[in-house]
Amino acid sequence: MTILAIDGGNSKADLALVAADGAVLAAVRGPTISHQAVGLEPGLDALEASLRRAASAAGFDPERRPIADLGLFALAGADLPRDVRLLEDGLRRRALTGEAVVLNDTHAALRAGSDRPWGIVVVCGAGINGLGIGPTGRVVRFAGIGPYSGDRGGGGTLALEALA
């Protein structure tokens, strides 16, 4: 089994093709694939371009579909159920992976800091959002959906405050 793991933020996307035993077959960094930053289809085009680079580096045919058996897409902007459905539909149309799991990018940040499947993470990127997963698996999220929800303190807010 080959796994495609993606951390897709508002400013960049990190992709890794990983073997079932955990060996990293290829890793690349590309531009944002965020549907909110660049639009759904341009984001998917950027994802495919980066994935072709990763597939070539892993020795795979970059035009083969699916490239991986499972895709884990931790994406900025996957905040609400409608966002997740939109992204899942787009990924399904592209057939990049046999199965696609779409999560908010806070999940990638949580796992980057610990080998435990639980913990708390706060991300300060274009906006802010947070995720907590308890030892029992209970999930609590603060979705970054704009200033009315308290989404301040990200890069945009800090830049405005610095200029002021």
Protein backbone atom coordinates (compact mmCIF):
# COMPACT_ATOMS: atom_id res chain seq x y z
CA MET A 1 0.00 0.00 0.00
CA THR A 2 1.22 3.48 -0.86
CA ILE A 3 0.00 6.51 1.08
CA LEU A 4 -0.05 10.12 -0.07
CA ALA A 5 0.13 12.48 2.91
CA ILE A 6 -0.48 16.19 2.34
CA ASP A 7 -0.25 19.22 4.62
CA GLY A 8 -1.89 21.88 2.47
CA GLY A 9 -1.75 25.33 4.03
CA ASN A 10 -2.58 28.79 2.74
CA SER A 11 1.02 29.49 1.70
CA LYS A 12 2.44 26.07 0.73
CA ALA A 13 1.72 22.38 0.37
CA ASP A 14 3.99 19.60 1.62
CA LEU A 15 3.45 16.19 -0.01
CA ALA A 16 4.95 12.83 0.94
CA LEU A 17 4.55 9.46 -0.71
CA VAL A 18 4.97 6.83 1.98
CA ALA A 19 5.23 3.03 1.80
CA ALA A 20 3.14 0.81 4.05
CA ASP A 21 6.16 0.24 6.32
CA GLY A 22 6.52 4.01 6.88
CA ALA A 23 9.45 4.53 4.51
CA VAL A 24 9.29 7.94 2.80
CA LEU A 25 9.47 7.32 -0.94
CA ALA A 26 9.43 11.01 -1.92
CA ALA A 27 8.70 14.40 -0.37
CA VAL A 28 8.14 17.70 -2.15
CA ARG A 29 7.01 21.21 -1.29
CA GLY A 30 4.82 23.14 -3.69
CA PRO A 31 2.61 26.22 -3.78
CA THR A 32 -0.67 26.48 -1.93
CA ILE A 33 -3.46 24.19 -3.02
CA SER A 34 -6.04 25.96 -0.86
CA HIS A 35 -9.41 26.24 -2.55
CA GLN A 36 -10.01 29.43 -0.56
CA ALA A 37 -6.72 31.04 -1.58
CA VAL A 38 -6.58 30.14 -5.29
CA GLY A 39 -9.88 28.43 -6.15
CA LEU A 40 -10.75 24.74 -6.28
CA GLU A 41 -9.60 23.85 -9.80
CA PRO A 42 -6.35 25.90 -9.71
CA GLY A 43 -5.61 24.34 -6.31
CA LEU A 44 -6.18 20.84 -7.68
CA ASP A 45 -3.99 21.68 -10.70
CA ALA A 46 -1.18 22.77 -8.34
CA LEU A 47 -1.67 19.59 -6.31
CA GLU A 48 -1.37 17.43 -9.44
CA ALA A 49 1.79 19.26 -10.54
CA SER A 50 3.43 18.69 -7.15
CA LEU A 51 2.22 15.10 -7.08
CA ARG A 52 3.77 14.43 -10.50
CA ARG A 53 7.10 15.69 -9.10
CA ALA A 54 6.78 13.43 -6.05
CA ALA A 55 5.77 10.42 -8.17
CA SER A 56 8.77 10.90 -10.46
CA ALA A 57 11.09 11.21 -7.46
CA ALA A 58 9.65 7.94 -6.08
CA GLY A 59 10.19 6.17 -9.41
CA PHE A 60 6.46 5.99 -10.21
CA ASP A 61 4.83 6.83 -13.52
CA PRO A 62 3.61 10.41 -12.82
CA GLU A 63 0.61 9.95 -15.12
CA ARG A 64 -0.62 6.73 -13.44
CA ARG A 65 -3.93 7.02 -11.63
CA PRO A 66 -4.32 6.45 -8.83
CA ILE A 67 -0.81 7.38 -7.72
CA ALA A 68 -1.42 6.07 -4.19
CA ASP A 69 -3.88 3.71 -2.55
CA LEU A 70 -4.79 6.14 0.22
CA GLY A 71 -4.59 9.92 0.37
CA LEU A 72 -4.64 11.80 3.67
CA PHE A 73 -5.31 15.44 2.84
CA ALA A 74 -4.87 17.81 5.82
CA LEU A 75 -6.03 21.04 4.18
CA ALA A 76 -6.45 24.68 5.13
CA GLY A 77 -10.04 25.69 4.56
CA ALA A 78 -11.50 22.26 5.33
CA ASP A 79 -13.40 23.96 8.13
CA LEU A 80 -17.06 23.17 7.53
CA PRO A 81 -18.81 20.05 6.23
CA ARG A 82 -19.56 21.80 2.91
CA ASP A 83 -15.82 22.57 2.49
CA VAL A 84 -14.93 18.93 3.11
CA ARG A 85 -17.58 17.73 0.61
CA LEU A 86 -16.33 20.20 -2.04
CA LEU A 87 -12.74 19.04 -1.58
CA GLU A 88 -13.67 15.33 -1.51
CA ASP A 89 -15.67 15.73 -4.73
CA GLY A 90 -12.78 17.50 -6.47
CA LEU A 91 -10.27 14.88 -5.33
CA ARG A 92 -12.58 12.06 -6.38
CA ARG A 93 -12.89 13.56 -9.89
CA ARG A 94 -9.09 13.72 -10.21
CA ALA A 95 -8.70 10.08 -9.03
CA LEU A 96 -5.27 10.81 -7.52
CA THR A 97 -5.72 8.20 -4.80
CA GLY A 98 -7.87 5.10 -4.40
CA GLU A 99 -9.39 6.54 -1.23
CA ALA A 100 -9.24 10.16 0.00
CA VAL A 101 -9.58 11.33 3.60
CA VAL A 102 -9.97 15.11 3.99
CA LEU A 103 -9.23 16.76 7.34
CA ASN A 104 -8.46 20.28 8.45
CA ASP A 105 -4.74 21.10 8.43
CA THR A 106 -4.72 21.36 12.23
CA HIS A 107 -4.61 17.55 12.24
CA ALA A 108 -1.22 17.62 10.49
CA ALA A 109 0.14 20.14 12.97
CA LEU A 110 -1.04 18.04 15.90
CA ARG A 111 0.72 14.94 14.62
CA ALA A 112 3.89 16.86 13.72
CA GLY A 113 4.63 17.50 17.38
CA SER A 114 3.86 14.16 18.98
CA ASP A 115 3.65 10.45 18.36
CA ARG A 116 0.53 10.33 20.54
CA PRO A 117 -2.85 10.27 18.82
CA TRP A 118 -4.16 12.97 21.19
CA GLY A 119 -3.22 16.49 22.23
CA ILE A 120 -3.92 20.16 21.54
CA VAL A 121 -2.67 22.37 18.72
CA VAL A 122 -3.21 26.04 17.83
CA VAL A 123 -2.25 27.16 14.33
CA CYS A 124 -1.48 30.82 13.60
CA GLY A 125 -1.30 30.99 9.80
CA ALA A 126 -3.45 33.16 7.55
CA GLY A 127 -5.92 33.06 10.44
CA ILE A 128 -6.03 30.99 13.60
CA ASN A 129 -7.63 27.67 14.34
CA GLY A 130 -7.23 24.98 16.91
CA LEU A 131 -7.84 21.32 17.54
CA GLY A 132 -7.99 19.17 20.63
CA ILE A 133 -8.25 15.39 20.61
CA GLY A 134 -8.65 13.67 23.96
CA PRO A 135 -7.25 10.28 24.94
CA THR A 136 -10.73 8.81 24.36
CA GLY A 137 -10.81 10.19 20.79
CA ARG A 138 -13.20 13.08 21.49
CA VAL A 139 -12.48 15.94 19.06
CA VAL A 140 -13.01 19.66 19.69
CA ARG A 141 -12.14 22.26 17.03
CA PHE A 142 -12.01 26.00 16.75
CA ALA A 143 -12.55 26.54 13.04
CA GLY A 144 -10.88 29.55 11.44
CA ILE A 145 -13.93 30.98 9.69
CA GLY A 146 -13.31 34.71 9.92
CA PRO A 147 -13.18 37.60 12.36
CA TYR A 148 -16.77 37.17 13.60
CA SER A 149 -15.81 33.84 15.14
CA GLY A 150 -12.78 35.36 16.89
CA ASP A 151 -10.41 34.35 14.07
CA ARG A 152 -7.73 36.96 14.77
CA GLY A 153 -4.02 36.71 15.38
CA GLY A 154 -3.00 35.10 12.12
CA GLY A 155 -0.57 36.55 9.61
CA GLY A 156 -3.10 38.95 8.06
CA THR A 157 -4.12 40.45 11.40
CA LEU A 158 -0.52 40.73 12.57
CA ALA A 159 0.48 42.49 9.33
CA LEU A 160 -2.35 45.04 9.69
CA GLU A 161 -1.46 45.68 13.33
CA ALA A 162 2.23 46.11 12.47
CA LEU A 163 1.38 48.63 9.75
CA ALA A 164 -0.91 50.52 12.10
